PDB file of N, CA and C in Angstrom:
ATOM      1  N   MET A   1     -42.833 -26.209  47.240  1.00  0.00           N
ATOM      2  CA  MET A   1     -42.222 -26.146  45.932  1.00  0.00           C
ATOM      3  C   MET A   1     -43.086 -26.917  44.946  1.00  0.00           C
ATOM      4  N   MET A   2     -43.253 -26.334  43.767  1.00  0.00           N
ATOM      5  CA  MET A   2     -44.046 -26.973  42.742  1.00  0.00           C
ATOM      6  C   MET A   2     -43.172 -27.943  41.967  1.00  0.00           C
ATOM      7  N   LYS A   3     -43.731 -29.101  41.627  1.00  0.00           N
ATOM      8  CA  LYS A   3     -43.022 -30.073  40.817  1.00  0.00           C
ATOM      9  C   LYS A   3     -43.766 -30.234  39.505  1.00  0.00           C
ATOM     10  N   SER A   4     -43.017 -30.374  38.442  1.00  0.00           N
ATOM     11  CA  SER A   4     -43.653 -30.557  37.147  1.00  0.00           C
ATOM     12  C   SER A   4     -43.857 -32.049  36.906  1.00  0.00           C
ATOM     13  N   LYS A   5     -44.974 -32.388  36.274  1.00  0.00           N
ATOM     14  CA  LYS A   5     -45.291 -33.781  36.001  1.00  0.00           C
ATOM     15  C   LYS A   5     -44.831 -34.215  34.623  1.00  0.00           C
ATOM     16  N   VAL A   6     -44.550 -33.250  33.756  1.00  0.00           N
ATOM     17  CA  VAL A   6     -44.116 -33.551  32.409  1.00  0.00           C
ATOM     18  C   VAL A   6     -42.596 -33.564  32.370  1.00  0.00           C
ATOM     19  N   LYS A   7     -42.031 -34.586  31.728  1.00  0.00           N
ATOM     20  CA  LYS A   7     -40.583 -34.699  31.663  1.00  0.00           C
ATOM     21  C   LYS A   7     -40.024 -33.581  30.785  1.00  0.00           C
ATOM     22  N   GLY A   8     -38.954 -32.951  31.228  1.00  0.00           N
ATOM     23  CA  GLY A   8     -38.331 -31.872  30.487  1.00  0.00           C
ATOM     24  C   GLY A   8     -38.776 -30.495  30.952  1.00  0.00           C
ATOM     25  N   LEU A   9     -39.807 -30.421  31.797  1.00  0.00           N
ATOM     26  CA  LEU A   9     -40.260 -29.139  32.323  1.00  0.00           C
ATOM     27  C   LEU A   9     -39.734 -28.960  33.727  1.00  0.00           C
ATOM     28  N   SER A  10     -39.407 -27.738  34.071  1.00  0.00           N
ATOM     29  CA  SER A  10     -39.006 -27.438  35.436  1.00  0.00           C
ATOM     30  C   SER A  10     -39.413 -26.011  35.754  1.00  0.00           C
ATOM     31  N   TYR A  11     -39.401 -25.687  37.017  1.00  0.00           N
ATOM     32  CA  TYR A  11     -39.751 -24.352  37.461  1.00  0.00           C
ATOM     33  C   TYR A  11     -38.503 -23.647  37.956  1.00  0.00           C
ATOM     34  N   ALA A  12     -38.453 -22.354  37.733  1.00  0.00           N
ATOM     35  CA  ALA A  12     -37.347 -21.528  38.212  1.00  0.00           C
ATOM     36  C   ALA A  12     -37.933 -20.345  38.968  1.00  0.00           C
ATOM     37  N   THR A  13     -37.141 -19.759  39.834  1.00  0.00           N
ATOM     38  CA  THR A  13     -37.572 -18.604  40.613  1.00  0.00           C
ATOM     39  C   THR A  13     -36.879 -17.352  40.082  1.00  0.00           C
ATOM     40  N   VAL A  14     -37.651 -16.304  39.891  1.00  0.00           N
ATOM     41  CA  VAL A  14     -37.103 -15.034  39.430  1.00  0.00           C
ATOM     42  C   VAL A  14     -36.470 -14.333  40.628  1.00  0.00           C
ATOM     43  N   THR A  15     -35.175 -14.006  40.535  1.00  0.00           N
ATOM     44  CA  THR A  15     -34.519 -13.346  41.651  1.00  0.00           C
ATOM     45  C   THR A  15     -34.449 -11.837  41.452  1.00  0.00           C
ATOM     46  N   ASN A  16     -34.118 -11.392  40.231  1.00  0.00           N
ATOM     47  CA  ASN A  16     -33.970  -9.961  40.010  1.00  0.00           C
ATOM     48  C   ASN A  16     -33.917  -9.681  38.521  1.00  0.00           C
ATOM     49  N   PHE A  17     -33.976  -8.415  38.174  1.00  0.00           N
ATOM     50  CA  PHE A  17     -33.673  -7.989  36.824  1.00  0.00           C
ATOM     51  C   PHE A  17     -32.162  -7.962  36.676  1.00  0.00           C
ATOM     52  N   ARG A  18     -31.688  -7.947  35.442  1.00  0.00           N
ATOM     53  CA  ARG A  18     -30.258  -7.794  35.225  1.00  0.00           C
ATOM     54  C   ARG A  18     -29.917  -6.328  35.438  1.00  0.00           C
ATOM     55  N   LEU A  19     -28.951  -6.086  36.316  1.00  0.00           N
ATOM     56  CA  LEU A  19     -28.621  -4.726  36.728  1.00  0.00           C
ATOM     57  C   LEU A  19     -27.248  -4.322  36.234  1.00  0.00           C
ATOM     58  N   GLY A  20     -27.123  -3.034  35.916  1.00  0.00           N
ATOM     59  CA  GLY A  20     -25.832  -2.428  35.643  1.00  0.00           C
ATOM     60  C   GLY A  20     -25.504  -1.479  36.781  1.00  0.00           C
ATOM     61  N   LEU A  21     -24.477  -0.709  36.621  1.00  0.00           N
ATOM     62  CA  LEU A  21     -24.083   0.213  37.676  1.00  0.00           C
ATOM     63  C   LEU A  21     -25.128   1.305  37.883  1.00  0.00           C
ATOM     64  N   LYS A  22     -25.654   1.834  36.776  1.00  0.00           N
ATOM     65  CA  LYS A  22     -26.671   2.879  36.868  1.00  0.00           C
ATOM     66  C   LYS A  22     -27.930   2.541  36.087  1.00  0.00           C
ATOM     67  N   THR A  23     -28.050   1.334  35.575  1.00  0.00           N
ATOM     68  CA  THR A  23     -29.193   0.963  34.745  1.00  0.00           C
ATOM     69  C   THR A  23     -29.818  -0.340  35.226  1.00  0.00           C
ATOM     70  N   GLN A  24     -31.025  -0.569  34.784  1.00  0.00           N
ATOM     71  CA  GLN A  24     -31.718  -1.825  35.048  1.00  0.00           C
ATOM     72  C   GLN A  24     -32.352  -2.272  33.739  1.00  0.00           C
ATOM     73  N   LYS A  25     -32.080  -3.493  33.331  1.00  0.00           N
ATOM     74  CA  LYS A  25     -32.642  -4.004  32.086  1.00  0.00           C
ATOM     75  C   LYS A  25     -33.937  -4.739  32.416  1.00  0.00           C
ATOM     76  N   ASN A  26     -35.066  -4.141  32.046  1.00  0.00           N
ATOM     77  CA  ASN A  26     -36.356  -4.718  32.385  1.00  0.00           C
ATOM     78  C   ASN A  26     -36.741  -5.892  31.505  1.00  0.00           C
ATOM     79  N   ASN A  27     -36.005  -6.130  30.430  1.00  0.00           N
ATOM     80  CA  ASN A  27     -36.339  -7.258  29.580  1.00  0.00           C
ATOM     81  C   ASN A  27     -35.443  -8.465  29.832  1.00  0.00           C
ATOM     82  N   GLU A  28     -34.565  -8.398  30.825  1.00  0.00           N
ATOM     83  CA  GLU A  28     -33.737  -9.543  31.190  1.00  0.00           C
ATOM     84  C   GLU A  28     -33.922  -9.864  32.666  1.00  0.00           C
ATOM     85  N   LEU A  29     -34.138 -11.141  32.951  1.00  0.00           N
ATOM     86  CA  LEU A  29     -34.341 -11.609  34.321  1.00  0.00           C
ATOM     87  C   LEU A  29     -33.235 -12.572  34.704  1.00  0.00           C
ATOM     88  N   LEU A  30     -32.930 -12.619  35.985  1.00  0.00           N
ATOM     89  CA  LEU A  30     -32.022 -13.618  36.532  1.00  0.00           C
ATOM     90  C   LEU A  30     -32.870 -14.685  37.201  1.00  0.00           C
ATOM     91  N   LEU A  31     -32.640 -15.946  36.825  1.00  0.00           N
ATOM     92  CA  LEU A  31     -33.445 -17.060  37.311  1.00  0.00           C
ATOM     93  C   LEU A  31     -32.583 -18.053  38.062  1.00  0.00           C
ATOM     94  N   VAL A  32     -33.144 -18.595  39.141  1.00  0.00           N
ATOM     95  CA  VAL A  32     -32.487 -19.654  39.900  1.00  0.00           C
ATOM     96  C   VAL A  32     -33.288 -20.933  39.684  1.00  0.00           C
ATOM     97  N   ILE A  33     -32.627 -21.949  39.164  1.00  0.00           N
ATOM     98  CA  ILE A  33     -33.261 -23.243  38.919  1.00  0.00           C
ATOM     99  C   ILE A  33     -32.858 -24.170  40.054  1.00  0.00           C
ATOM    100  N   PRO A  34     -33.811 -24.871  40.671  1.00  0.00           N
ATOM    101  CA  PRO A  34     -33.467 -25.766  41.786  1.00  0.00           C
ATOM    102  C   PRO A  34     -32.503 -26.869  41.348  1.00  0.00           C
ATOM    103  N   ASN A  35     -31.609 -27.237  42.232  1.00  0.00           N
ATOM    104  CA  ASN A  35     -30.616 -28.299  42.051  1.00  0.00           C
ATOM    105  C   ASN A  35     -29.603 -27.990  40.949  1.00  0.00           C
ATOM    106  N   VAL A  36     -29.466 -26.739  40.566  1.00  0.00           N
ATOM    107  CA  VAL A  36     -28.429 -26.306  39.630  1.00  0.00           C
ATOM    108  C   VAL A  36     -27.489 -25.407  40.423  1.00  0.00           C
ATOM    109  N   ASN A  37     -26.270 -25.901  40.683  1.00  0.00           N
ATOM    110  CA  ASN A  37     -25.379 -25.221  41.613  1.00  0.00           C
ATOM    111  C   ASN A  37     -24.090 -24.705  40.999  1.00  0.00           C
ATOM    112  N   ASN A  38     -23.833 -24.994  39.713  1.00  0.00           N
ATOM    113  CA  ASN A  38     -22.597 -24.512  39.110  1.00  0.00           C
ATOM    114  C   ASN A  38     -22.851 -24.085  37.675  1.00  0.00           C
ATOM    115  N   ARG A  39     -21.836 -23.485  37.095  1.00  0.00           N
ATOM    116  CA  ARG A  39     -21.973 -22.903  35.767  1.00  0.00           C
ATOM    117  C   ARG A  39     -22.176 -23.956  34.682  1.00  0.00           C
ATOM    118  N   SER A  40     -21.515 -25.090  34.794  1.00  0.00           N
ATOM    119  CA  SER A  40     -21.638 -26.114  33.752  1.00  0.00           C
ATOM    120  C   SER A  40     -23.037 -26.735  33.750  1.00  0.00           C
ATOM    121  N   ALA A  41     -23.642 -26.892  34.915  1.00  0.00           N
ATOM    122  CA  ALA A  41     -25.015 -27.411  34.962  1.00  0.00           C
ATOM    123  C   ALA A  41     -26.006 -26.386  34.431  1.00  0.00           C
ATOM    124  N   ALA A  42     -25.739 -25.108  34.673  1.00  0.00           N
ATOM    125  CA  ALA A  42     -26.629 -24.052  34.194  1.00  0.00           C
ATOM    126  C   ALA A  42     -26.519 -23.869  32.690  1.00  0.00           C
ATOM    127  N   SER A  43     -25.359 -24.152  32.122  1.00  0.00           N
ATOM    128  CA  SER A  43     -25.183 -23.956  30.682  1.00  0.00           C
ATOM    129  C   SER A  43     -26.003 -24.946  29.863  1.00  0.00           C
ATOM    130  N   LYS A  44     -26.462 -26.020  30.465  1.00  0.00           N
ATOM    131  CA  LYS A  44     -27.327 -26.979  29.758  1.00  0.00           C
ATOM    132  C   LYS A  44     -28.709 -26.405  29.491  1.00  0.00           C
ATOM    133  N   TYR A  45     -29.093 -25.367  30.212  1.00  0.00           N
ATOM    134  CA  TYR A  45     -30.406 -24.752  30.043  1.00  0.00           C
ATOM    135  C   TYR A  45     -30.401 -23.619  29.019  1.00  0.00           C
ATOM    136  N   VAL A  46     -29.245 -23.242  28.511  1.00  0.00           N
ATOM    137  CA  VAL A  46     -29.162 -22.144  27.542  1.00  0.00           C
ATOM    138  C   VAL A  46     -29.862 -22.565  26.250  1.00  0.00           C
ATOM    139  N   GLY A  47     -30.738 -21.709  25.758  1.00  0.00           N
ATOM    140  CA  GLY A  47     -31.501 -21.998  24.550  1.00  0.00           C
ATOM    141  C   GLY A  47     -32.917 -22.447  24.824  1.00  0.00           C
ATOM    142  N   ARG A  48     -33.228 -22.802  26.060  1.00  0.00           N
ATOM    143  CA  ARG A  48     -34.595 -23.227  26.390  1.00  0.00           C
ATOM    144  C   ARG A  48     -35.527 -22.031  26.505  1.00  0.00           C
ATOM    145  N   LYS A  49     -36.809 -22.285  26.330  1.00  0.00           N
ATOM    146  CA  LYS A  49     -37.807 -21.229  26.450  1.00  0.00           C
ATOM    147  C   LYS A  49     -38.282 -21.114  27.886  1.00  0.00           C
ATOM    148  N   VAL A  50     -38.692 -19.914  28.248  1.00  0.00           N
ATOM    149  CA  VAL A  50     -39.195 -19.608  29.581  1.00  0.00           C
ATOM    150  C   VAL A  50     -40.574 -18.981  29.418  1.00  0.00           C
ATOM    151  N   VAL A  51     -41.531 -19.404  30.249  1.00  0.00           N
ATOM    152  CA  VAL A  51     -42.884 -18.857  30.183  1.00  0.00           C
ATOM    153  C   VAL A  51     -43.229 -18.253  31.537  1.00  0.00           C
ATOM    154  N   CYS A  52     -43.575 -16.950  31.525  1.00  0.00           N
ATOM    155  CA  CYS A  52     -44.036 -16.243  32.713  1.00  0.00           C
ATOM    156  C   CYS A  52     -45.531 -16.029  32.582  1.00  0.00           C
ATOM    157  N   PHE A  53     -46.249 -16.222  33.661  1.00  0.00           N
ATOM    158  CA  PHE A  53     -47.672 -15.947  33.684  1.00  0.00           C
ATOM    159  C   PHE A  53     -47.900 -14.744  34.584  1.00  0.00           C
ATOM    160  N   HIS A  54     -48.360 -13.650  33.993  1.00  0.00           N
ATOM    161  CA  HIS A  54     -48.645 -12.428  34.746  1.00  0.00           C
ATOM    162  C   HIS A  54     -50.105 -12.078  34.506  1.00  0.00           C
ATOM    163  N   GLY A  55     -50.937 -12.384  35.485  1.00  0.00           N
ATOM    164  CA  GLY A  55     -52.369 -12.194  35.302  1.00  0.00           C
ATOM    165  C   GLY A  55     -52.869 -13.168  34.255  1.00  0.00           C
ATOM    166  N   LYS A  56     -53.506 -12.660  33.227  1.00  0.00           N
ATOM    167  CA  LYS A  56     -53.975 -13.515  32.140  1.00  0.00           C
ATOM    168  C   LYS A  56     -52.991 -13.566  30.979  1.00  0.00           C
ATOM    169  N   LYS A  57     -51.895 -12.822  31.091  1.00  0.00           N
ATOM    170  CA  LYS A  57     -50.906 -12.778  30.018  1.00  0.00           C
ATOM    171  C   LYS A  57     -49.901 -13.902  30.162  1.00  0.00           C
ATOM    172  N   LYS A  58     -49.535 -14.471  29.026  1.00  0.00           N
ATOM    173  CA  LYS A  58     -48.470 -15.470  28.975  1.00  0.00           C
ATOM    174  C   LYS A  58     -47.314 -14.828  28.226  1.00  0.00           C
ATOM    175  N   ILE A  59     -46.181 -14.646  28.897  1.00  0.00           N
ATOM    176  CA  ILE A  59     -45.032 -13.962  28.333  1.00  0.00           C
ATOM    177  C   ILE A  59     -43.925 -14.991  28.109  1.00  0.00           C
ATOM    178  N   VAL A  60     -43.448 -15.081  26.877  1.00  0.00           N
ATOM    179  CA  VAL A  60     -42.462 -16.097  26.513  1.00  0.00           C
ATOM    180  C   VAL A  60     -41.115 -15.433  26.298  1.00  0.00           C
ATOM    181  N   GLY A  61     -40.066 -16.055  26.843  1.00  0.00           N
ATOM    182  CA  GLY A  61     -38.704 -15.577  26.669  1.00  0.00           C
ATOM    183  C   GLY A  61     -37.773 -16.737  26.395  1.00  0.00           C
ATOM    184  N   LYS A  62     -36.487 -16.466  26.447  1.00  0.00           N
ATOM    185  CA  LYS A  62     -35.489 -17.471  26.129  1.00  0.00           C
ATOM    186  C   LYS A  62     -34.298 -17.309  27.064  1.00  0.00           C
ATOM    187  N   ILE A  63     -33.723 -18.422  27.510  1.00  0.00           N
ATOM    188  CA  ILE A  63     -32.515 -18.386  28.334  1.00  0.00           C
ATOM    189  C   ILE A  63     -31.331 -18.157  27.407  1.00  0.00           C
ATOM    190  N   VAL A  64     -30.588 -17.077  27.664  1.00  0.00           N
ATOM    191  CA  VAL A  64     -29.519 -16.674  26.743  1.00  0.00           C
ATOM    192  C   VAL A  64     -28.123 -16.910  27.299  1.00  0.00           C
ATOM    193  N   GLY A  65     -27.976 -17.176  28.587  1.00  0.00           N
ATOM    194  CA  GLY A  65     -26.640 -17.395  29.125  1.00  0.00           C
ATOM    195  C   GLY A  65     -26.665 -17.586  30.624  1.00  0.00           C
ATOM    196  N   THR A  66     -25.480 -17.839  31.163  1.00  0.00           N
ATOM    197  CA  THR A  66     -25.345 -17.997  32.608  1.00  0.00           C
ATOM    198  C   THR A  66     -24.967 -16.652  33.215  1.00  0.00           C
ATOM    199  N   HIS A  67     -25.094 -16.583  34.524  1.00  0.00           N
ATOM    200  CA  HIS A  67     -24.764 -15.353  35.241  1.00  0.00           C
ATOM    201  C   HIS A  67     -23.991 -15.746  36.493  1.00  0.00           C
ATOM    202  N   GLY A  68     -22.706 -15.547  36.465  1.00  0.00           N
ATOM    203  CA  GLY A  68     -21.891 -15.904  37.624  1.00  0.00           C
ATOM    204  C   GLY A  68     -21.518 -17.373  37.619  1.00  0.00           C
ATOM    205  N   MET A  69     -21.040 -17.840  38.767  1.00  0.00           N
ATOM    206  CA  MET A  69     -20.528 -19.200  38.888  1.00  0.00           C
ATOM    207  C   MET A  69     -21.425 -20.120  39.702  1.00  0.00           C
ATOM    208  N   ASN A  70     -22.585 -19.629  40.186  1.00  0.00           N
ATOM    209  CA  ASN A  70     -23.401 -20.414  41.099  1.00  0.00           C
ATOM    210  C   ASN A  70     -24.660 -20.990  40.467  1.00  0.00           C
ATOM    211  N   GLY A  71     -24.751 -21.046  39.155  1.00  0.00           N
ATOM    212  CA  GLY A  71     -25.875 -21.701  38.508  1.00  0.00           C
ATOM    213  C   GLY A  71     -27.053 -20.800  38.191  1.00  0.00           C
ATOM    214  N   VAL A  72     -26.871 -19.498  38.211  1.00  0.00           N
ATOM    215  CA  VAL A  72     -27.942 -18.567  37.865  1.00  0.00           C
ATOM    216  C   VAL A  72     -27.918 -18.369  36.355  1.00  0.00           C
ATOM    217  N   VAL A  73     -29.095 -18.275  35.730  1.00  0.00           N
ATOM    218  CA  VAL A  73     -29.181 -18.076  34.291  1.00  0.00           C
ATOM    219  C   VAL A  73     -29.882 -16.761  33.972  1.00  0.00           C
ATOM    220  N   ARG A  74     -29.625 -16.221  32.764  1.00  0.00           N
ATOM    221  CA  ARG A  74     -30.255 -14.997  32.281  1.00  0.00           C
ATOM    222  C   ARG A  74     -31.303 -15.358  31.251  1.00  0.00           C
ATOM    223  N   ALA A  75     -32.489 -14.786  31.389  1.00  0.00           N
ATOM    224  CA  ALA A  75     -33.562 -14.985  30.415  1.00  0.00           C
ATOM    225  C   ALA A  75     -33.909 -13.639  29.809  1.00  0.00           C
ATOM    226  N   ARG A  76     -34.059 -13.611  28.488  1.00  0.00           N
ATOM    227  CA  ARG A  76     -34.356 -12.365  27.785  1.00  0.00           C
ATOM    228  C   ARG A  76     -35.752 -12.448  27.172  1.00  0.00           C
ATOM    229  N   PHE A  77     -36.478 -11.338  27.287  1.00  0.00           N
ATOM    230  CA  PHE A  77     -37.828 -11.219  26.753  1.00  0.00           C
ATOM    231  C   PHE A  77     -37.856 -10.064  25.764  1.00  0.00           C
ATOM    232  N   ARG A  78     -38.871 -10.009  24.896  1.00  0.00           N
ATOM    233  CA  ARG A  78     -38.961  -8.945  23.906  1.00  0.00           C
ATOM    234  C   ARG A  78     -39.299  -7.611  24.549  1.00  0.00           C
ATOM    235  N   LYS A  79     -40.245  -7.614  25.472  1.00  0.00           N
ATOM    236  CA  LYS A  79     -40.658  -6.381  26.127  1.00  0.00           C
ATOM    237  C   LYS A  79     -40.259  -6.448  27.599  1.00  0.00           C
ATOM    238  N   GLY A  80     -40.255  -5.296  28.244  1.00  0.00           N
ATOM    239  CA  GLY A  80     -39.940  -5.244  29.661  1.00  0.00           C
ATOM    240  C   GLY A  80     -41.036  -5.870  30.504  1.00  0.00           C
ATOM    241  N   LEU A  81     -40.656  -6.406  31.629  1.00  0.00           N
ATOM    242  CA  LEU A  81     -41.587  -7.066  32.527  1.00  0.00           C
ATOM    243  C   LEU A  81     -41.840  -6.190  33.749  1.00  0.00           C
ATOM    244  N   PRO A  82     -43.017  -6.330  34.376  1.00  0.00           N
ATOM    245  CA  PRO A  82     -43.320  -5.509  35.545  1.00  0.00           C
ATOM    246  C   PRO A  82     -42.570  -5.997  36.783  1.00  0.00           C
ATOM    247  N   GLY A  83     -42.479  -5.139  37.769  1.00  0.00           N
ATOM    248  CA  GLY A  83     -41.773  -5.486  39.000  1.00  0.00           C
ATOM    249  C   GLY A  83     -42.473  -6.540  39.829  1.00  0.00           C
ATOM    250  N   GLN A  84     -43.767  -6.759  39.594  1.00  0.00           N
ATOM    251  CA  GLN A  84     -44.493  -7.772  40.352  1.00  0.00           C
ATOM    252  C   GLN A  84     -44.054  -9.184  39.993  1.00  0.00           C
ATOM    253  N   ILE A  85     -43.276  -9.336  38.945  1.00  0.00           N
ATOM    254  CA  ILE A  85     -42.829 -10.661  38.509  1.00  0.00           C
ATOM    255  C   ILE A  85     -41.694 -11.192  39.388  1.00  0.00           C
ATOM    256  N   LEU A  86     -41.067 -10.326  40.192  1.00  0.00           N
ATOM    257  CA  LEU A  86     -39.957 -10.739  41.045  1.00  0.00           C
ATOM    258  C   LEU A  86     -40.430 -11.722  42.101  1.00  0.00           C
ATOM    259  N   HIS A  87     -39.591 -12.730  42.373  1.00  0.00           N
ATOM    260  CA  HIS A  87     -39.814 -13.763  43.381  1.00  0.00           C
ATOM    261  C   HIS A  87     -41.033 -14.636  43.072  1.00  0.00           C
ATOM    262  N   THR A  88     -41.350 -14.788  41.803  1.00  0.00           N
ATOM    263  CA  THR A  88     -42.408 -15.698  41.387  1.00  0.00           C
ATOM    264  C   THR A  88     -41.792 -16.867  40.660  1.00  0.00           C
ATOM    265  N   LYS A  89     -42.596 -17.883  40.392  1.00  0.00           N
ATOM    266  CA  LYS A  89     -42.146 -19.066  39.668  1.00  0.00           C
ATOM    267  C   LYS A  89     -42.426 -18.893  38.189  1.00  0.00           C
ATOM    268  N   VAL A  90     -41.484 -19.332  37.358  1.00  0.00           N
ATOM    269  CA  VAL A  90     -41.666 -19.351  35.916  1.00  0.00           C
ATOM    270  C   VAL A  90     -41.421 -20.763  35.428  1.00  0.00           C
ATOM    271  N   LEU A  91     -41.981 -21.076  34.291  1.00  0.00           N
ATOM    272  CA  LEU A  91     -41.873 -22.421  33.715  1.00  0.00           C
ATOM    273  C   LEU A  91     -40.737 -22.452  32.707  1.00  0.00           C
ATOM    274  N   VAL A  92     -39.827 -23.421  32.857  1.00  0.00           N
ATOM    275  CA  VAL A  92     -38.718 -23.595  31.921  1.00  0.00           C
ATOM    276  C   VAL A  92     -39.043 -24.821  31.085  1.00  0.00           C
ATOM    277  N   LEU A  93     -39.180 -24.630  29.776  1.00  0.00           N
ATOM    278  CA  LEU A  93     -39.535 -25.741  28.870  1.00  0.00           C
ATOM    279  C   LEU A  93     -38.307 -26.451  28.378  1.00  0.00           C
TER     280      LEU A  93
END
């Protein structure tokens, strides 16, 4: 596991895209932040920026809300992200 040396930074793992019954939203990701186990702890991260590194591209998004009761958060980006971004680490500022 990677640890951040700068205070206020943390890493999250991308678990999946946000899914509907028949749709998949490619511009929204579900993120799991370590040591965040409930909804109230996850709500403290709402409004923070998220940075994904895909190749040489730096893609910036924002945490817009929680997802469920187990501490998962939703991050929204302007454009859709590729499927290779799943199960990678992203930086939460």
